N, C-alpha and C. Protein backbone atom coordinates (compact mmCIF):
# COMPACT_ATOMS: atom_id res chain seq x y z
N MET A 1 246.82 73.44 82.22
CA MET A 1 245.67 74.06 82.81
C MET A 1 244.45 73.53 82.06
N SER A 2 243.61 72.74 82.73
CA SER A 2 242.46 72.17 82.03
C SER A 2 241.33 71.87 83.00
N VAL A 3 240.18 71.62 82.43
CA VAL A 3 239.02 71.15 83.18
C VAL A 3 238.54 69.88 82.48
N GLU A 4 238.15 68.90 83.27
CA GLU A 4 237.68 67.64 82.70
C GLU A 4 236.19 67.52 82.94
N PHE A 5 235.49 67.14 81.90
CA PHE A 5 234.05 66.91 82.01
C PHE A 5 233.80 65.44 81.76
N ASP A 6 233.21 64.78 82.73
CA ASP A 6 232.93 63.36 82.67
C ASP A 6 231.43 63.19 82.47
N LEU A 7 231.04 62.23 81.67
CA LEU A 7 229.60 62.01 81.45
C LEU A 7 228.85 61.78 82.76
N ARG A 8 229.53 61.30 83.79
CA ARG A 8 228.88 61.09 85.08
C ARG A 8 228.48 62.40 85.74
N GLN A 9 228.99 63.54 85.24
CA GLN A 9 228.66 64.83 85.82
C GLN A 9 227.34 65.40 85.31
N LEU A 10 226.74 64.76 84.36
CA LEU A 10 225.46 65.25 83.84
C LEU A 10 224.39 65.12 84.91
N ASP A 11 223.37 65.93 84.79
CA ASP A 11 222.28 65.80 85.75
C ASP A 11 221.61 64.44 85.58
N ALA A 12 220.87 64.03 86.59
CA ALA A 12 220.28 62.68 86.64
C ALA A 12 219.39 62.39 85.44
N VAL A 13 218.63 63.37 84.98
CA VAL A 13 217.71 63.16 83.86
C VAL A 13 218.50 62.83 82.59
N ARG A 14 219.49 63.66 82.25
CA ARG A 14 220.29 63.43 81.05
C ARG A 14 221.08 62.12 81.17
N LYS A 15 221.60 61.85 82.37
CA LYS A 15 222.36 60.63 82.58
C LYS A 15 221.49 59.40 82.29
N ARG A 16 220.25 59.42 82.77
CA ARG A 16 219.34 58.30 82.51
C ARG A 16 219.03 58.19 81.02
N ARG A 17 218.86 59.33 80.35
CA ARG A 17 218.59 59.30 78.90
C ARG A 17 219.75 58.70 78.13
N ILE A 18 220.98 59.07 78.52
CA ILE A 18 222.16 58.54 77.83
C ILE A 18 222.28 57.05 78.11
N GLU A 19 222.09 56.67 79.36
CA GLU A 19 222.17 55.24 79.70
C GLU A 19 221.09 54.46 78.96
N ALA A 20 219.88 54.99 78.90
CA ALA A 20 218.78 54.31 78.19
C ALA A 20 219.08 54.23 76.69
N ALA A 21 219.79 55.22 76.17
CA ALA A 21 220.13 55.22 74.75
C ALA A 21 221.18 54.16 74.44
N ALA A 22 221.86 53.68 75.47
CA ALA A 22 222.89 52.65 75.31
C ALA A 22 223.87 53.03 74.18
N LEU A 23 224.47 54.21 74.31
CA LEU A 23 225.40 54.69 73.30
C LEU A 23 226.61 53.78 73.22
N SER A 24 227.05 53.54 72.01
CA SER A 24 228.29 52.79 71.81
C SER A 24 229.46 53.69 72.22
N SER A 25 230.62 53.11 72.33
CA SER A 25 231.81 53.89 72.66
C SER A 25 232.05 54.99 71.62
N ASP A 26 231.86 54.65 70.34
CA ASP A 26 232.04 55.66 69.28
C ASP A 26 231.03 56.78 69.41
N GLU A 27 229.78 56.45 69.72
CA GLU A 27 228.75 57.48 69.88
C GLU A 27 229.07 58.37 71.09
N ARG A 28 229.52 57.77 72.19
CA ARG A 28 229.92 58.56 73.36
C ARG A 28 231.06 59.49 72.98
N GLY A 29 232.02 58.97 72.20
CA GLY A 29 233.14 59.79 71.76
C GLY A 29 232.69 60.98 70.93
N ARG A 30 231.74 60.75 70.02
CA ARG A 30 231.22 61.86 69.21
C ARG A 30 230.50 62.89 70.09
N LEU A 31 229.68 62.41 71.04
CA LEU A 31 228.99 63.32 71.95
C LEU A 31 229.99 64.14 72.74
N LEU A 32 230.99 63.49 73.31
CA LEU A 32 231.99 64.23 74.09
C LEU A 32 232.79 65.18 73.22
N GLY A 33 233.04 64.79 71.97
CA GLY A 33 233.72 65.70 71.05
C GLY A 33 232.91 66.97 70.82
N GLN A 34 231.58 66.81 70.70
CA GLN A 34 230.72 67.98 70.53
C GLN A 34 230.70 68.84 71.79
N ILE A 35 230.65 68.19 72.95
CA ILE A 35 230.70 68.94 74.21
C ILE A 35 232.02 69.68 74.31
N GLY A 36 233.12 69.01 73.99
CA GLY A 36 234.44 69.64 74.04
C GLY A 36 234.53 70.85 73.12
N ALA A 37 234.02 70.72 71.91
CA ALA A 37 234.06 71.83 70.95
C ALA A 37 233.25 73.02 71.47
N GLU A 38 232.11 72.75 72.09
CA GLU A 38 231.28 73.83 72.64
C GLU A 38 231.99 74.53 73.79
N ILE A 39 232.60 73.76 74.68
CA ILE A 39 233.30 74.37 75.82
C ILE A 39 234.54 75.12 75.35
N GLU A 40 235.23 74.61 74.33
CA GLU A 40 236.36 75.35 73.74
C GLU A 40 235.90 76.74 73.31
N THR A 41 234.83 76.79 72.53
CA THR A 41 234.31 78.07 72.02
C THR A 41 233.92 78.99 73.15
N ARG A 42 233.21 78.47 74.13
CA ARG A 42 232.75 79.30 75.25
C ARG A 42 233.94 79.79 76.08
N THR A 43 234.97 78.96 76.21
CA THR A 43 236.18 79.38 76.94
C THR A 43 236.89 80.48 76.16
N GLN A 44 237.03 80.32 74.85
CA GLN A 44 237.67 81.36 74.03
C GLN A 44 236.89 82.67 74.09
N ASN A 45 235.58 82.59 74.16
CA ASN A 45 234.76 83.80 74.23
C ASN A 45 234.99 84.60 75.51
N ARG A 46 235.48 83.95 76.55
CA ARG A 46 235.76 84.67 77.80
C ARG A 46 236.85 85.72 77.62
N PHE A 47 237.72 85.52 76.64
CA PHE A 47 238.78 86.48 76.40
C PHE A 47 238.20 87.80 75.86
N ASP A 48 237.03 87.74 75.25
CA ASP A 48 236.36 88.95 74.78
C ASP A 48 235.45 89.55 75.87
N SER A 49 234.74 88.69 76.58
CA SER A 49 233.81 89.19 77.61
C SER A 49 234.54 89.61 78.88
N LYS A 50 235.74 89.04 79.11
CA LYS A 50 236.54 89.32 80.31
C LYS A 50 235.79 88.92 81.58
N ILE A 51 234.98 87.87 81.48
CA ILE A 51 234.23 87.35 82.62
C ILE A 51 234.58 85.88 82.79
N GLY A 52 235.02 85.51 84.00
CA GLY A 52 235.42 84.14 84.27
C GLY A 52 234.23 83.21 84.38
N PRO A 53 234.49 81.91 84.44
CA PRO A 53 233.40 80.94 84.55
C PRO A 53 232.59 81.08 85.85
N ASP A 54 233.18 81.76 86.84
CA ASP A 54 232.47 82.00 88.10
C ASP A 54 231.53 83.21 88.01
N GLY A 55 231.53 83.89 86.85
CA GLY A 55 230.66 85.04 86.65
C GLY A 55 231.29 86.36 87.05
N ASN A 56 232.51 86.33 87.57
CA ASN A 56 233.19 87.57 87.98
C ASN A 56 234.00 88.16 86.85
N ARG A 57 233.96 89.50 86.78
CA ARG A 57 234.71 90.22 85.76
C ARG A 57 236.20 90.17 86.09
N TRP A 58 237.05 90.05 85.06
CA TRP A 58 238.49 90.04 85.27
C TRP A 58 238.97 91.41 85.74
N ALA A 59 240.08 91.39 86.46
CA ALA A 59 240.73 92.64 86.88
C ALA A 59 241.22 93.38 85.65
N ASP A 60 241.18 94.70 85.72
CA ASP A 60 241.72 95.51 84.63
C ASP A 60 243.23 95.35 84.56
N ILE A 61 243.81 95.78 83.47
CA ILE A 61 245.26 95.75 83.32
C ILE A 61 245.86 96.77 84.29
N ALA A 62 246.94 96.37 84.95
CA ALA A 62 247.63 97.24 85.89
C ALA A 62 248.26 98.42 85.15
N GLU A 63 248.44 99.52 85.86
CA GLU A 63 249.06 100.71 85.27
C GLU A 63 250.44 100.39 84.72
N ALA A 64 251.21 99.58 85.43
CA ALA A 64 252.56 99.21 84.96
C ALA A 64 252.49 98.45 83.64
N THR A 65 251.50 97.61 83.50
CA THR A 65 251.33 96.85 82.25
C THR A 65 250.90 97.78 81.13
N GLU A 66 250.01 98.72 81.42
CA GLU A 66 249.62 99.71 80.41
C GLU A 66 250.83 100.50 79.95
N GLU A 67 251.69 100.89 80.90
CA GLU A 67 252.89 101.65 80.55
C GLU A 67 253.82 100.80 79.67
N TYR A 68 253.95 99.52 79.98
CA TYR A 68 254.75 98.61 79.15
C TYR A 68 254.20 98.60 77.71
N TYR A 69 252.88 98.50 77.58
CA TYR A 69 252.25 98.48 76.26
C TYR A 69 252.51 99.81 75.52
N ARG A 70 252.41 100.93 76.24
CA ARG A 70 252.66 102.23 75.61
C ARG A 70 254.09 102.31 75.07
N ARG A 71 255.05 101.83 75.89
CA ARG A 71 256.46 101.85 75.44
C ARG A 71 256.65 100.93 74.24
N ALA A 72 256.05 99.76 74.27
CA ALA A 72 256.17 98.81 73.16
C ALA A 72 255.58 99.40 71.89
N MET A 73 254.43 100.08 72.02
CA MET A 73 253.81 100.69 70.84
C MET A 73 254.66 101.83 70.32
N ALA A 74 255.28 102.59 71.21
CA ALA A 74 256.14 103.70 70.79
C ALA A 74 257.35 103.17 70.00
N ARG A 75 257.78 101.95 70.30
CA ARG A 75 258.90 101.34 69.57
C ARG A 75 258.41 100.64 68.31
N GLY A 76 257.12 100.72 68.03
CA GLY A 76 256.59 100.10 66.82
C GLY A 76 256.02 98.72 67.03
N GLY A 77 256.01 98.27 68.28
CA GLY A 77 255.47 96.94 68.57
C GLY A 77 253.97 96.99 68.81
N LEU A 78 253.36 95.84 68.87
CA LEU A 78 251.93 95.68 69.17
C LEU A 78 251.03 96.38 68.16
N ASP A 79 251.51 96.76 67.04
CA ASP A 79 250.79 97.39 65.93
C ASP A 79 249.88 98.55 66.34
N GLY A 80 250.20 99.20 67.48
CA GLY A 80 249.46 100.39 67.89
C GLY A 80 248.05 100.15 68.38
N VAL A 81 247.66 98.90 68.55
CA VAL A 81 246.29 98.58 68.98
C VAL A 81 246.30 98.20 70.45
N PRO A 82 245.56 98.94 71.32
CA PRO A 82 245.49 98.57 72.73
C PRO A 82 244.86 97.18 72.89
N ARG A 83 245.36 96.42 73.83
CA ARG A 83 244.88 95.06 74.04
C ARG A 83 244.25 94.90 75.42
N PRO A 84 243.17 94.15 75.53
CA PRO A 84 242.60 93.83 76.84
C PRO A 84 243.44 92.77 77.53
N PRO A 85 243.17 92.49 78.81
CA PRO A 85 243.94 91.46 79.50
C PRO A 85 243.93 90.13 78.74
N LEU A 86 245.08 89.49 78.70
CA LEU A 86 245.30 88.16 78.12
C LEU A 86 245.18 88.10 76.60
N LEU A 87 245.15 89.25 75.93
CA LEU A 87 245.00 89.22 74.48
C LEU A 87 246.07 90.01 73.73
N VAL A 88 247.27 90.10 74.29
CA VAL A 88 248.32 90.83 73.57
C VAL A 88 248.59 90.14 72.24
N SER A 89 248.78 88.83 72.26
CA SER A 89 249.03 88.11 71.01
C SER A 89 247.87 87.22 70.60
N GLY A 90 247.04 86.82 71.57
CA GLY A 90 245.95 85.88 71.29
C GLY A 90 246.41 84.43 71.37
N ASP A 91 247.70 84.21 71.65
CA ASP A 91 248.23 82.84 71.68
C ASP A 91 247.58 81.99 72.77
N LEU A 92 247.35 82.57 73.95
CA LEU A 92 246.74 81.80 75.03
C LEU A 92 245.32 81.38 74.65
N ARG A 93 244.54 82.31 74.15
CA ARG A 93 243.18 82.00 73.71
C ARG A 93 243.19 80.94 72.60
N ASP A 94 244.11 81.10 71.68
CA ASP A 94 244.17 80.18 70.54
C ASP A 94 244.69 78.79 70.94
N SER A 95 245.26 78.67 72.14
CA SER A 95 245.77 77.37 72.58
C SER A 95 244.69 76.52 73.26
N ILE A 96 243.49 77.05 73.42
CA ILE A 96 242.40 76.29 74.04
C ILE A 96 242.06 75.11 73.13
N ALA A 97 242.06 73.92 73.71
CA ALA A 97 241.79 72.71 72.93
C ALA A 97 241.05 71.71 73.81
N SER A 98 240.46 70.71 73.16
CA SER A 98 239.78 69.65 73.90
C SER A 98 240.26 68.30 73.40
N GLU A 99 240.12 67.31 74.27
CA GLU A 99 240.53 65.95 73.92
C GLU A 99 239.61 64.96 74.64
N VAL A 100 239.05 64.03 73.90
CA VAL A 100 238.23 62.97 74.48
C VAL A 100 239.17 61.91 75.04
N ARG A 101 238.90 61.50 76.28
CA ARG A 101 239.78 60.55 76.97
C ARG A 101 238.98 59.46 77.67
N GLY A 102 239.72 58.59 78.31
CA GLY A 102 239.13 57.60 79.21
C GLY A 102 238.16 56.65 78.55
N GLY A 103 238.55 56.11 77.40
CA GLY A 103 237.64 55.18 76.73
C GLY A 103 236.34 55.84 76.32
N ASN A 104 236.46 57.09 75.86
CA ASN A 104 235.29 57.87 75.42
C ASN A 104 234.30 58.10 76.56
N ARG A 105 234.83 58.35 77.76
CA ARG A 105 233.98 58.63 78.92
C ARG A 105 234.16 60.04 79.47
N SER A 106 235.19 60.75 79.02
CA SER A 106 235.38 62.12 79.50
C SER A 106 236.04 62.95 78.42
N VAL A 107 235.92 64.27 78.58
CA VAL A 107 236.57 65.20 77.67
C VAL A 107 237.30 66.23 78.52
N VAL A 108 238.51 66.56 78.11
CA VAL A 108 239.32 67.55 78.81
C VAL A 108 239.41 68.77 77.91
N VAL A 109 239.18 69.95 78.50
CA VAL A 109 239.29 71.21 77.78
C VAL A 109 240.28 72.08 78.55
N GLY A 110 241.26 72.62 77.86
CA GLY A 110 242.23 73.46 78.55
C GLY A 110 243.13 74.21 77.59
N ALA A 111 244.06 74.95 78.18
CA ALA A 111 245.03 75.73 77.42
C ALA A 111 246.38 75.03 77.53
N VAL A 112 247.09 74.94 76.43
CA VAL A 112 248.36 74.23 76.42
C VAL A 112 249.57 75.15 76.61
N LYS A 113 249.37 76.44 76.70
CA LYS A 113 250.49 77.35 76.91
C LYS A 113 251.01 77.19 78.34
N GLU A 114 252.35 77.20 78.47
CA GLU A 114 252.97 76.95 79.77
C GLU A 114 252.63 78.02 80.81
N TYR A 115 252.23 79.19 80.39
CA TYR A 115 251.91 80.26 81.32
C TYR A 115 250.42 80.37 81.65
N ALA A 116 249.63 79.42 81.16
CA ALA A 116 248.17 79.48 81.36
C ALA A 116 247.79 79.52 82.84
N ASP A 117 248.48 78.71 83.67
CA ASP A 117 248.11 78.66 85.09
C ASP A 117 248.38 79.97 85.81
N VAL A 118 249.38 80.74 85.36
CA VAL A 118 249.65 82.04 85.97
C VAL A 118 248.44 82.95 85.80
N HIS A 119 247.82 82.91 84.65
CA HIS A 119 246.66 83.77 84.40
C HIS A 119 245.39 83.19 85.02
N GLN A 120 245.26 81.88 85.03
CA GLN A 120 244.08 81.25 85.63
C GLN A 120 244.03 81.52 87.14
N TYR A 121 245.16 81.37 87.83
CA TYR A 121 245.20 81.45 89.29
C TYR A 121 245.85 82.72 89.82
N GLY A 122 246.53 83.47 88.95
CA GLY A 122 247.26 84.64 89.41
C GLY A 122 248.66 84.25 89.87
N HIS A 123 249.48 85.27 90.12
CA HIS A 123 250.85 85.05 90.58
C HIS A 123 251.22 86.21 91.50
N LYS A 124 251.04 85.98 92.80
CA LYS A 124 251.24 87.05 93.79
C LYS A 124 252.64 87.68 93.74
N PRO A 125 253.73 86.89 93.62
CA PRO A 125 255.06 87.52 93.60
C PRO A 125 255.23 88.56 92.49
N LYS A 126 254.54 88.38 91.39
CA LYS A 126 254.63 89.35 90.29
C LYS A 126 253.41 90.25 90.22
N ASN A 127 252.54 90.16 91.22
CA ASN A 127 251.34 90.99 91.31
C ASN A 127 250.41 90.83 90.10
N ILE A 128 250.29 89.58 89.63
CA ILE A 128 249.39 89.28 88.51
C ILE A 128 248.11 88.70 89.11
N PRO A 129 246.99 89.38 88.90
CA PRO A 129 245.73 88.86 89.47
C PRO A 129 245.21 87.66 88.68
N ALA A 130 244.46 86.82 89.35
CA ALA A 130 243.81 85.69 88.68
C ALA A 130 242.79 86.22 87.69
N ARG A 131 242.81 85.66 86.50
CA ARG A 131 241.80 85.94 85.48
C ARG A 131 241.35 84.59 84.93
N PRO A 132 240.51 83.89 85.70
CA PRO A 132 240.13 82.53 85.30
C PRO A 132 239.36 82.51 83.99
N PHE A 133 239.78 81.61 83.13
CA PHE A 133 239.11 81.45 81.83
C PHE A 133 238.68 80.01 81.62
N VAL A 134 239.34 79.06 82.26
CA VAL A 134 238.99 77.65 82.13
C VAL A 134 238.03 77.28 83.26
N GLY A 135 236.97 76.59 82.92
CA GLY A 135 235.99 76.15 83.90
C GLY A 135 234.63 76.04 83.24
N VAL A 136 233.69 75.49 83.96
CA VAL A 136 232.34 75.32 83.43
C VAL A 136 231.41 76.26 84.19
N SER A 137 230.92 77.27 83.51
CA SER A 137 229.99 78.23 84.11
C SER A 137 228.57 77.65 84.12
N GLN A 138 227.67 78.35 84.77
CA GLN A 138 226.27 77.91 84.74
C GLN A 138 225.74 77.90 83.32
N GLY A 139 226.11 78.92 82.54
CA GLY A 139 225.70 78.97 81.14
C GLY A 139 226.30 77.82 80.34
N ASP A 140 227.56 77.48 80.65
CA ASP A 140 228.20 76.34 79.98
C ASP A 140 227.45 75.06 80.29
N ALA A 141 227.08 74.88 81.55
CA ALA A 141 226.37 73.66 81.96
C ALA A 141 225.05 73.53 81.21
N LYS A 142 224.36 74.65 81.05
CA LYS A 142 223.08 74.63 80.30
C LYS A 142 223.33 74.28 78.84
N GLU A 143 224.41 74.81 78.28
CA GLU A 143 224.71 74.51 76.87
C GLU A 143 225.14 73.06 76.70
N ILE A 144 225.88 72.52 77.66
CA ILE A 144 226.23 71.10 77.62
C ILE A 144 224.95 70.27 77.60
N ASP A 145 224.02 70.65 78.44
CA ASP A 145 222.72 69.97 78.50
C ASP A 145 222.03 70.02 77.13
N ALA A 146 222.07 71.19 76.49
CA ALA A 146 221.44 71.35 75.17
C ALA A 146 222.16 70.51 74.11
N VAL A 147 223.50 70.44 74.18
CA VAL A 147 224.28 69.62 73.24
C VAL A 147 223.86 68.16 73.38
N VAL A 148 223.74 67.69 74.62
CA VAL A 148 223.34 66.31 74.87
C VAL A 148 221.94 66.06 74.31
N ALA A 149 221.01 66.99 74.58
CA ALA A 149 219.64 66.82 74.10
C ALA A 149 219.60 66.76 72.57
N ARG A 150 220.33 67.66 71.90
CA ARG A 150 220.36 67.66 70.43
C ARG A 150 220.98 66.38 69.89
N PHE A 151 222.05 65.93 70.53
CA PHE A 151 222.72 64.71 70.10
C PHE A 151 221.77 63.52 70.19
N LEU A 152 221.13 63.39 71.33
CA LEU A 152 220.21 62.24 71.51
C LEU A 152 219.02 62.32 70.57
N LYS A 153 218.53 63.53 70.34
CA LYS A 153 217.40 63.69 69.42
C LYS A 153 217.78 63.25 68.01
N ARG A 154 218.97 63.71 67.55
CA ARG A 154 219.44 63.34 66.20
C ARG A 154 219.75 61.85 66.12
N ALA A 155 220.32 61.31 67.19
CA ALA A 155 220.74 59.90 67.17
C ALA A 155 219.55 58.96 67.14
N PHE A 156 218.42 59.42 67.69
CA PHE A 156 217.28 58.50 67.81
C PHE A 156 216.01 59.03 67.18
N SER A 157 216.17 59.86 66.13
CA SER A 157 214.95 60.31 65.43
C SER A 157 214.80 59.58 64.14
């Protein structure tokens, strides 16, 4: 489960600035690494805000899931702390990673847990609602823009 960000997806102004800067492959790689790190952080933060990249709030935990948690806590599991959706162990959130690819022309950000797509898209047979966490929100796009601006400013000051 991942999202890929390609330098060609930047707005026309930033794209022209990057092209004019004539970044080397290594410089593009560093820029994409910074973009990837920012999107990783913003994606992980969705697990606390419970708001997907589309701006919609995640569905609450189903009553059956709450009952499962109550039984697990009664048996001494889950350390007695109630958990919000997708944060029982934190493993899914902690699996968010980024990788620069394509000759330093794109960066992929995603979750490596095998069950990530079930939570991203939902699973109707098991009545699990979609709780999208991977994606580029409007706020993410603005922050990507700011990362690019800071990078170019530092690179050419």
